[in-house]
Every structure is written in structure tokens, then in C-alpha cells.
N, C-alpha and C. Protein backbone atom coordinates (compact mmCIF):
# COMPACT_ATOMS: atom_id res chain seq x y z
N MET A 1 157.18 84.92 114.92
CA MET A 1 156.06 85.75 115.32
C MET A 1 154.77 85.08 114.89
N THR A 2 153.81 85.09 115.76
CA THR A 2 152.55 84.40 115.50
C THR A 2 151.57 85.25 114.68
N THR A 3 150.73 84.58 113.96
CA THR A 3 149.63 85.25 113.26
C THR A 3 148.32 85.00 113.99
N HIS A 4 148.39 84.29 115.10
CA HIS A 4 147.20 83.88 115.84
C HIS A 4 146.82 84.89 116.92
N HIS A 5 146.51 86.10 116.46
CA HIS A 5 146.06 87.18 117.34
C HIS A 5 144.55 87.33 117.23
N PRO A 6 143.91 87.89 118.26
CA PRO A 6 142.46 88.05 118.19
C PRO A 6 142.03 89.12 117.19
N VAL A 7 140.98 88.80 116.47
CA VAL A 7 140.36 89.75 115.55
C VAL A 7 139.07 90.19 116.23
N LYS A 8 139.05 91.46 116.61
CA LYS A 8 137.90 92.01 117.34
C LYS A 8 136.93 92.67 116.37
N PRO A 9 135.68 92.72 116.63
CA PRO A 9 134.97 92.39 117.85
C PRO A 9 134.47 90.95 117.91
N ALA A 10 134.74 90.15 116.89
CA ALA A 10 134.24 88.77 116.88
C ALA A 10 135.08 87.83 117.74
N TRP A 11 136.29 88.24 118.07
CA TRP A 11 137.21 87.43 118.85
C TRP A 11 137.49 86.09 118.19
N THR A 12 137.76 86.18 116.88
CA THR A 12 138.22 85.03 116.14
C THR A 12 139.73 85.15 115.97
N CYS A 13 140.35 84.09 115.54
CA CYS A 13 141.79 84.06 115.38
C CYS A 13 142.18 84.56 113.99
N GLY A 14 143.12 85.48 113.95
CA GLY A 14 143.61 86.02 112.69
C GLY A 14 144.40 85.01 111.87
N GLY A 15 144.86 83.95 112.50
CA GLY A 15 145.66 82.94 111.80
C GLY A 15 144.85 81.80 111.24
N CYS A 16 143.78 81.41 111.94
CA CYS A 16 143.03 80.23 111.50
C CYS A 16 141.52 80.43 111.50
N ALA A 17 141.05 81.59 111.93
CA ALA A 17 139.62 81.96 111.93
C ALA A 17 138.78 81.19 112.94
N ARG A 18 139.39 80.48 113.86
CA ARG A 18 138.64 79.81 114.93
C ARG A 18 138.47 80.76 116.10
N GLU A 19 137.76 80.33 117.12
CA GLU A 19 137.60 81.16 118.31
C GLU A 19 138.96 81.39 118.94
N TRP A 20 139.20 82.66 119.34
CA TRP A 20 140.47 82.99 119.99
C TRP A 20 140.32 82.87 121.49
N PRO A 21 141.25 82.32 122.22
CA PRO A 21 142.51 81.76 121.75
C PRO A 21 142.31 80.36 121.16
N CYS A 22 142.79 80.18 119.97
CA CYS A 22 142.68 78.91 119.26
C CYS A 22 143.67 77.91 119.85
N ARG A 23 143.61 76.70 119.39
CA ARG A 23 144.51 75.65 119.88
C ARG A 23 145.98 76.02 119.68
N THR A 24 146.30 76.56 118.52
CA THR A 24 147.69 76.95 118.24
C THR A 24 148.15 78.05 119.18
N ARG A 25 147.30 79.07 119.37
CA ARG A 25 147.69 80.18 120.25
C ARG A 25 147.80 79.72 121.69
N ARG A 26 146.96 78.81 122.12
CA ARG A 26 147.08 78.26 123.47
C ARG A 26 148.43 77.57 123.65
N TRP A 27 148.82 76.79 122.67
CA TRP A 27 150.11 76.11 122.72
C TRP A 27 151.24 77.12 122.79
N GLU A 28 151.16 78.16 121.96
CA GLU A 28 152.18 79.21 121.97
C GLU A 28 152.24 79.93 123.30
N LEU A 29 151.08 80.25 123.86
CA LEU A 29 151.04 80.95 125.14
C LEU A 29 151.59 80.08 126.27
N ARG A 30 151.28 78.79 126.25
CA ARG A 30 151.84 77.89 127.26
C ARG A 30 153.36 77.90 127.21
N ALA A 31 153.90 77.88 126.00
CA ALA A 31 155.36 77.91 125.85
C ALA A 31 155.94 79.25 126.28
N GLU A 32 155.29 80.31 125.89
CA GLU A 32 155.77 81.66 126.19
C GLU A 32 155.74 81.96 127.69
N TYR A 33 154.71 81.49 128.37
CA TYR A 33 154.53 81.76 129.80
C TYR A 33 154.84 80.51 130.64
N ASP A 34 155.72 79.68 130.16
CA ASP A 34 156.03 78.40 130.79
C ASP A 34 156.31 78.51 132.28
N ARG A 35 157.08 79.48 132.65
CA ARG A 35 157.45 79.63 134.07
C ARG A 35 156.73 80.80 134.74
N ALA A 36 155.67 81.27 134.13
CA ALA A 36 154.93 82.41 134.68
C ALA A 36 153.43 82.21 134.53
N PRO A 37 152.85 81.19 135.19
CA PRO A 37 151.42 80.91 135.02
C PRO A 37 150.51 82.04 135.51
N VAL A 38 150.93 82.77 136.52
CA VAL A 38 150.11 83.88 137.01
C VAL A 38 150.08 85.00 135.97
N SER A 39 151.20 85.25 135.36
CA SER A 39 151.26 86.27 134.30
C SER A 39 150.37 85.87 133.13
N LEU A 40 150.37 84.60 132.79
CA LEU A 40 149.50 84.11 131.71
C LEU A 40 148.03 84.34 132.09
N ALA A 41 147.67 84.01 133.31
CA ALA A 41 146.29 84.20 133.75
C ALA A 41 145.89 85.67 133.72
N LEU A 42 146.79 86.55 134.14
CA LEU A 42 146.49 87.99 134.10
C LEU A 42 146.34 88.48 132.66
N TYR A 43 147.21 88.03 131.77
CA TYR A 43 147.14 88.40 130.35
C TYR A 43 145.79 87.97 129.76
N LEU A 44 145.40 86.73 130.04
CA LEU A 44 144.15 86.23 129.48
C LEU A 44 142.93 86.87 130.15
N ALA A 45 143.04 87.17 131.44
CA ALA A 45 141.94 87.83 132.13
C ALA A 45 141.67 89.22 131.55
N ALA A 46 142.72 89.92 131.18
CA ALA A 46 142.55 91.23 130.55
C ALA A 46 141.81 91.08 129.22
N HIS A 47 142.16 90.06 128.45
CA HIS A 47 141.45 89.82 127.19
C HIS A 47 140.00 89.40 127.46
N LEU A 48 139.78 88.64 128.51
CA LEU A 48 138.42 88.24 128.87
C LEU A 48 137.55 89.45 129.17
N VAL A 49 138.08 90.40 129.90
CA VAL A 49 137.33 91.62 130.21
C VAL A 49 136.95 92.35 128.92
N ASP A 50 137.89 92.48 128.00
CA ASP A 50 137.60 93.13 126.71
C ASP A 50 136.56 92.34 125.92
N ALA A 51 136.70 91.03 125.92
CA ALA A 51 135.79 90.18 125.14
C ALA A 51 134.37 90.22 125.67
N THR A 52 134.20 90.36 126.97
CA THR A 52 132.84 90.39 127.52
C THR A 52 132.05 91.58 127.01
N GLN A 53 132.73 92.65 126.68
CA GLN A 53 132.03 93.81 126.11
C GLN A 53 131.59 93.54 124.68
N ASP A 54 132.47 92.90 123.90
CA ASP A 54 132.15 92.62 122.50
C ASP A 54 131.21 91.42 122.34
N LEU A 55 131.31 90.47 123.26
CA LEU A 55 130.53 89.24 123.15
C LEU A 55 129.49 89.14 124.27
N ALA A 56 128.76 90.21 124.47
CA ALA A 56 127.78 90.28 125.55
C ALA A 56 126.69 89.20 125.43
N HIS A 57 126.48 88.69 124.25
CA HIS A 57 125.45 87.67 124.01
C HIS A 57 125.93 86.26 124.39
N VAL A 58 127.22 86.10 124.64
CA VAL A 58 127.79 84.79 124.97
C VAL A 58 127.77 84.63 126.49
N PRO A 59 127.33 83.47 127.00
CA PRO A 59 127.29 83.26 128.44
C PRO A 59 128.66 83.45 129.10
N ALA A 60 128.67 84.10 130.25
CA ALA A 60 129.91 84.41 130.95
C ALA A 60 130.71 83.15 131.29
N GLY A 61 130.03 82.08 131.67
CA GLY A 61 130.72 80.84 132.00
C GLY A 61 131.48 80.27 130.82
N TYR A 62 130.88 80.38 129.64
CA TYR A 62 131.55 79.89 128.44
C TYR A 62 132.80 80.72 128.15
N LEU A 63 132.67 82.04 128.26
CA LEU A 63 133.83 82.90 128.02
C LEU A 63 134.94 82.64 129.02
N HIS A 64 134.58 82.43 130.28
CA HIS A 64 135.58 82.13 131.30
C HIS A 64 136.33 80.85 130.94
N HIS A 65 135.59 79.83 130.56
CA HIS A 65 136.22 78.57 130.17
C HIS A 65 137.11 78.76 128.94
N ARG A 66 136.62 79.50 127.99
CA ARG A 66 137.35 79.73 126.73
C ARG A 66 138.65 80.48 126.96
N PHE A 67 138.63 81.49 127.81
CA PHE A 67 139.81 82.32 128.01
C PHE A 67 140.71 81.83 129.14
N LEU A 68 140.15 81.28 130.18
CA LEU A 68 140.96 80.92 131.35
C LEU A 68 140.90 79.44 131.74
N GLY A 69 139.81 78.78 131.43
CA GLY A 69 139.61 77.41 131.88
C GLY A 69 140.66 76.42 131.41
N TRP A 70 141.25 76.65 130.28
CA TRP A 70 142.24 75.72 129.73
C TRP A 70 143.61 75.87 130.36
N THR A 71 143.83 76.90 131.16
CA THR A 71 145.15 77.14 131.71
C THR A 71 145.48 76.26 132.91
N ARG A 72 144.53 75.58 133.46
CA ARG A 72 144.77 74.77 134.66
C ARG A 72 145.56 73.53 134.35
């Protein structure tokens, strides 16, 4: 079980204190959703919607890249 869950409202990682999803959590998510890339995108998109409310001061393009851009 991972400790790399988001800590809200700052959206930092509970395991390493970096921006969530951190490098470790990205690796875990890739493995977990190996054969389900659309499901991974939907999971992360839901988190992106939540994060935009908490991180209203962060540019939307940056948040999109942070949450979804790495999945390609």
C-alpha cells in the first residue's frame, strides 16, 4: 500500500512532500493502470477538478500538465 496520497488543500504528497502526483506515485499509477489508460486519465481528471478549486492561484495549463500531461 502506498503512502503517496495527496494531502489537501496543498496537493502535496503524503509520502515525500513533493507536488502530487509525485514521481513515485506516477510510477505506481502507471503500473496499477497498465492496461487501462482511459481509466487512469479519468482518475487523474477527477483529481484535477478537485485541485483546481484548492489551487486557484496556479495556472490551469500547469495543473493540466501536472495531473494529466505525463500520462501520454
